[in-house]
Amino acid sequence: MNTYFGLLAEFDGRAEIPLEEVAPRYFGLNARTASIRAGAQALPVPVYRAGDSQKSPWLVSAVDLAQYIDEKRAEARDLWQRVNE
């Protein structure tokens, strides 16, 4: 299954996902910590605000998140193969 389509299914077809929904599951961060790191662009994926207001929620693109997940999976597979050869 394509990771991107899996994320679309998980997040009700939304291609742009609020950081507060992504952070706990994929980054192991609570919403507050993730928001602070988002302001410093210190997360493993790009985040942005769609509005000009600082009250606009931080968003994560499902495309970027899928790419990040796929990269982490590939790293884990490479490590597993090296250990199990």
N, C-alpha and C. Protein backbone atom coordinates (compact mmCIF):
# COMPACT_ATOMS: atom_id res chain seq x y z
N MET A 1 0.84 -1.18 0.00
CA MET A 1 0.00 0.00 0.00
C MET A 1 0.88 1.24 0.00
N ASN A 2 0.49 2.22 -0.72
CA ASN A 2 1.22 3.47 -0.80
C ASN A 2 1.02 4.25 0.50
N THR A 3 2.09 4.71 1.09
CA THR A 3 2.04 5.41 2.37
C THR A 3 1.15 6.66 2.29
N TYR A 4 1.27 7.38 1.21
CA TYR A 4 0.47 8.59 1.04
C TYR A 4 -1.03 8.28 1.12
N PHE A 5 -1.46 7.26 0.40
CA PHE A 5 -2.88 6.92 0.42
C PHE A 5 -3.31 6.38 1.78
N GLY A 6 -2.41 5.71 2.47
CA GLY A 6 -2.70 5.27 3.83
C GLY A 6 -2.92 6.46 4.75
N LEU A 7 -2.10 7.50 4.59
CA LEU A 7 -2.28 8.70 5.41
C LEU A 7 -3.59 9.41 5.06
N LEU A 8 -3.92 9.46 3.78
CA LEU A 8 -5.19 10.07 3.39
C LEU A 8 -6.35 9.34 4.05
N ALA A 9 -6.28 8.02 4.08
CA ALA A 9 -7.34 7.24 4.73
C ALA A 9 -7.37 7.51 6.23
N GLU A 10 -6.20 7.57 6.84
CA GLU A 10 -6.12 7.79 8.29
C GLU A 10 -6.67 9.16 8.69
N PHE A 11 -6.40 10.16 7.87
CA PHE A 11 -6.79 11.53 8.21
C PHE A 11 -7.97 12.01 7.38
N ASP A 12 -8.88 11.12 7.07
CA ASP A 12 -10.16 11.45 6.43
C ASP A 12 -10.01 12.19 5.10
N GLY A 13 -9.02 11.82 4.32
CA GLY A 13 -8.86 12.38 2.98
C GLY A 13 -8.21 13.74 2.94
N ARG A 14 -7.76 14.24 4.09
CA ARG A 14 -7.12 15.56 4.13
C ARG A 14 -5.67 15.46 3.68
N ALA A 15 -5.29 16.26 2.71
CA ALA A 15 -3.91 16.26 2.22
C ALA A 15 -3.02 17.16 3.07
N GLU A 16 -3.62 18.09 3.79
CA GLU A 16 -2.90 18.98 4.70
C GLU A 16 -3.45 18.69 6.09
N ILE A 17 -2.58 18.27 6.99
CA ILE A 17 -3.01 17.75 8.28
C ILE A 17 -2.50 18.65 9.40
N PRO A 18 -3.35 19.00 10.36
CA PRO A 18 -2.89 19.81 11.49
C PRO A 18 -1.76 19.10 12.25
N LEU A 19 -0.73 19.86 12.57
CA LEU A 19 0.42 19.32 13.29
C LEU A 19 0.02 18.65 14.59
N GLU A 20 -0.96 19.21 15.27
CA GLU A 20 -1.36 18.65 16.57
C GLU A 20 -1.89 17.22 16.43
N GLU A 21 -2.36 16.83 15.25
CA GLU A 21 -2.82 15.47 15.02
C GLU A 21 -1.69 14.54 14.62
N VAL A 22 -0.67 15.09 13.99
CA VAL A 22 0.46 14.30 13.48
C VAL A 22 1.52 14.07 14.56
N ALA A 23 1.81 15.11 15.32
CA ALA A 23 2.96 15.10 16.24
C ALA A 23 2.98 13.95 17.24
N PRO A 24 1.89 13.67 17.95
CA PRO A 24 1.98 12.58 18.94
C PRO A 24 2.26 11.22 18.31
N ARG A 25 1.63 10.96 17.20
CA ARG A 25 1.75 9.63 16.59
C ARG A 25 3.06 9.42 15.84
N TYR A 26 3.49 10.42 15.09
CA TYR A 26 4.64 10.23 14.20
C TYR A 26 5.94 10.85 14.70
N PHE A 27 5.84 11.82 15.61
CA PHE A 27 7.06 12.46 16.12
C PHE A 27 7.27 12.23 17.60
N GLY A 28 6.29 11.65 18.28
CA GLY A 28 6.40 11.41 19.71
C GLY A 28 6.43 12.68 20.53
N LEU A 29 5.75 13.71 20.04
CA LEU A 29 5.73 15.01 20.72
C LEU A 29 4.30 15.40 21.04
N ASN A 30 4.13 16.10 22.15
CA ASN A 30 2.80 16.64 22.41
C ASN A 30 2.60 17.88 21.54
N ALA A 31 1.37 18.35 21.46
CA ALA A 31 1.04 19.46 20.56
C ALA A 31 1.82 20.73 20.89
N ARG A 32 1.99 21.00 22.17
CA ARG A 32 2.70 22.23 22.57
C ARG A 32 4.17 22.20 22.15
N THR A 33 4.84 21.10 22.44
CA THR A 33 6.25 20.97 22.06
C THR A 33 6.40 21.01 20.55
N ALA A 34 5.50 20.34 19.84
CA ALA A 34 5.55 20.34 18.38
C ALA A 34 5.37 21.75 17.83
N SER A 35 4.48 22.52 18.43
CA SER A 35 4.24 23.89 17.98
C SER A 35 5.48 24.76 18.18
N ILE A 36 6.14 24.60 19.31
CA ILE A 36 7.38 25.35 19.58
C ILE A 36 8.44 24.98 18.55
N ARG A 37 8.59 23.69 18.30
CA ARG A 37 9.58 23.25 17.31
C ARG A 37 9.21 23.68 15.90
N ALA A 38 7.91 23.74 15.63
CA ALA A 38 7.46 24.20 14.30
C ALA A 38 7.89 25.64 14.07
N GLY A 39 7.77 26.46 15.10
CA GLY A 39 8.18 27.86 14.97
C GLY A 39 9.65 28.01 14.64
N ALA A 40 10.45 27.06 15.06
CA ALA A 40 11.89 27.07 14.77
C ALA A 40 12.23 26.21 13.55
N GLN A 41 11.21 25.66 12.90
CA GLN A 41 11.39 24.73 11.78
C GLN A 41 12.35 23.60 12.19
N ALA A 42 12.13 23.06 13.39
CA ALA A 42 12.99 22.02 13.95
C ALA A 42 12.27 20.68 14.02
N LEU A 43 11.43 20.40 13.05
CA LEU A 43 10.74 19.11 12.95
C LEU A 43 11.29 18.37 11.74
N PRO A 44 11.06 17.07 11.66
CA PRO A 44 11.63 16.31 10.55
C PRO A 44 10.94 16.51 9.21
N VAL A 45 9.86 17.27 9.19
CA VAL A 45 9.17 17.60 7.93
C VAL A 45 8.86 19.09 7.93
N PRO A 46 8.70 19.69 6.76
CA PRO A 46 8.32 21.10 6.71
C PRO A 46 6.90 21.30 7.25
N VAL A 47 6.71 22.40 7.97
CA VAL A 47 5.39 22.77 8.46
C VAL A 47 5.14 24.23 8.08
N TYR A 48 3.87 24.59 7.98
CA TYR A 48 3.54 25.95 7.59
C TYR A 48 2.15 26.31 8.12
N ARG A 49 1.87 27.58 8.07
CA ARG A 49 0.54 28.08 8.42
C ARG A 49 -0.12 28.56 7.14
N ALA A 50 -1.33 28.16 6.90
CA ALA A 50 -2.03 28.55 5.68
C ALA A 50 -2.49 30.01 5.76
N GLY A 51 -2.74 30.49 6.96
CA GLY A 51 -3.17 31.88 7.13
C GLY A 51 -2.03 32.77 7.57
N ASP A 52 -2.27 34.06 7.57
CA ASP A 52 -1.25 35.02 7.98
C ASP A 52 -1.20 35.21 9.50
N SER A 53 -2.19 34.72 10.19
CA SER A 53 -2.28 34.89 11.64
C SER A 53 -1.41 33.88 12.37
N GLN A 54 -0.85 34.31 13.50
CA GLN A 54 -0.10 33.38 14.34
C GLN A 54 -1.03 32.38 15.02
N LYS A 55 -2.32 32.64 14.97
CA LYS A 55 -3.29 31.71 15.53
C LYS A 55 -3.70 30.63 14.54
N SER A 56 -3.28 30.77 13.29
CA SER A 56 -3.56 29.73 12.31
C SER A 56 -2.82 28.46 12.71
N PRO A 57 -3.43 27.32 12.52
CA PRO A 57 -2.75 26.08 12.93
C PRO A 57 -1.58 25.74 12.02
N TRP A 58 -0.58 25.09 12.60
CA TRP A 58 0.52 24.57 11.80
C TRP A 58 0.00 23.37 11.02
N LEU A 59 0.39 23.27 9.77
CA LEU A 59 -0.05 22.17 8.92
C LEU A 59 1.14 21.38 8.40
N VAL A 60 0.91 20.10 8.15
CA VAL A 60 1.90 19.19 7.57
C VAL A 60 1.29 18.61 6.30
N SER A 61 2.04 18.62 5.24
CA SER A 61 1.57 18.02 4.00
C SER A 61 1.64 16.49 4.11
N ALA A 62 0.59 15.82 3.69
CA ALA A 62 0.59 14.35 3.70
C ALA A 62 1.69 13.81 2.80
N VAL A 63 2.02 14.53 1.73
CA VAL A 63 3.10 14.11 0.83
C VAL A 63 4.43 14.10 1.58
N ASP A 64 4.71 15.19 2.30
CA ASP A 64 5.97 15.27 3.06
C ASP A 64 6.03 14.23 4.17
N LEU A 65 4.92 14.04 4.86
CA LEU A 65 4.88 13.05 5.93
C LEU A 65 5.07 11.65 5.39
N ALA A 66 4.44 11.34 4.27
CA ALA A 66 4.60 10.02 3.65
C ALA A 66 6.05 9.78 3.25
N GLN A 67 6.69 10.80 2.69
CA GLN A 67 8.09 10.67 2.31
C GLN A 67 8.96 10.42 3.54
N TYR A 68 8.71 11.13 4.62
CA TYR A 68 9.45 10.95 5.86
C TYR A 68 9.27 9.52 6.40
N ILE A 69 8.05 9.04 6.41
CA ILE A 69 7.77 7.68 6.90
C ILE A 69 8.48 6.66 6.03
N ASP A 70 8.42 6.84 4.72
CA ASP A 70 9.08 5.90 3.80
C ASP A 70 10.60 5.90 3.99
N GLU A 71 11.17 7.08 4.23
CA GLU A 71 12.62 7.17 4.47
C GLU A 71 13.00 6.45 5.77
N LYS A 72 12.21 6.65 6.82
CA LYS A 72 12.49 5.98 8.09
C LYS A 72 12.35 4.46 7.94
N ARG A 73 11.36 4.02 7.19
CA ARG A 73 11.18 2.59 6.95
C ARG A 73 12.37 2.01 6.19
N ALA A 74 12.86 2.73 5.19
CA ALA A 74 14.02 2.27 4.42
C ALA A 74 15.27 2.19 5.30
N GLU A 75 15.45 3.18 6.18
CA GLU A 75 16.58 3.14 7.12
C GLU A 75 16.48 1.92 8.03
N ALA A 76 15.30 1.66 8.53
CA ALA A 76 15.10 0.51 9.43
C ALA A 76 15.34 -0.80 8.68
N ARG A 77 14.87 -0.89 7.45
CA ARG A 77 15.08 -2.11 6.65
C ARG A 77 16.58 -2.33 6.40
N ASP A 78 17.31 -1.26 6.06
CA ASP A 78 18.75 -1.38 5.82
C ASP A 78 19.47 -1.86 7.08
N LEU A 79 19.12 -1.29 8.22
CA LEU A 79 19.73 -1.71 9.48
C LEU A 79 19.40 -3.15 9.77
N TRP A 80 18.15 -3.52 9.60
CA TRP A 80 17.73 -4.91 9.85
C TRP A 80 18.50 -5.88 8.97
N GLN A 81 18.66 -5.52 7.70
CA GLN A 81 19.38 -6.41 6.78
C GLN A 81 20.85 -6.54 7.17
N ARG A 82 21.47 -5.43 7.60
CA ARG A 82 22.86 -5.51 8.02
C ARG A 82 23.03 -6.40 9.25
N VAL A 83 22.10 -6.30 10.19
CA VAL A 83 22.16 -7.08 11.42
C VAL A 83 21.87 -8.55 11.15
N ASN A 84 21.01 -8.83 10.22
CA ASN A 84 20.55 -10.20 9.99
C ASN A 84 21.20 -10.89 8.80
N GLU A 85 22.28 -10.37 8.31
CA GLU A 85 22.97 -11.05 7.21
C GLU A 85 23.96 -12.07 7.72
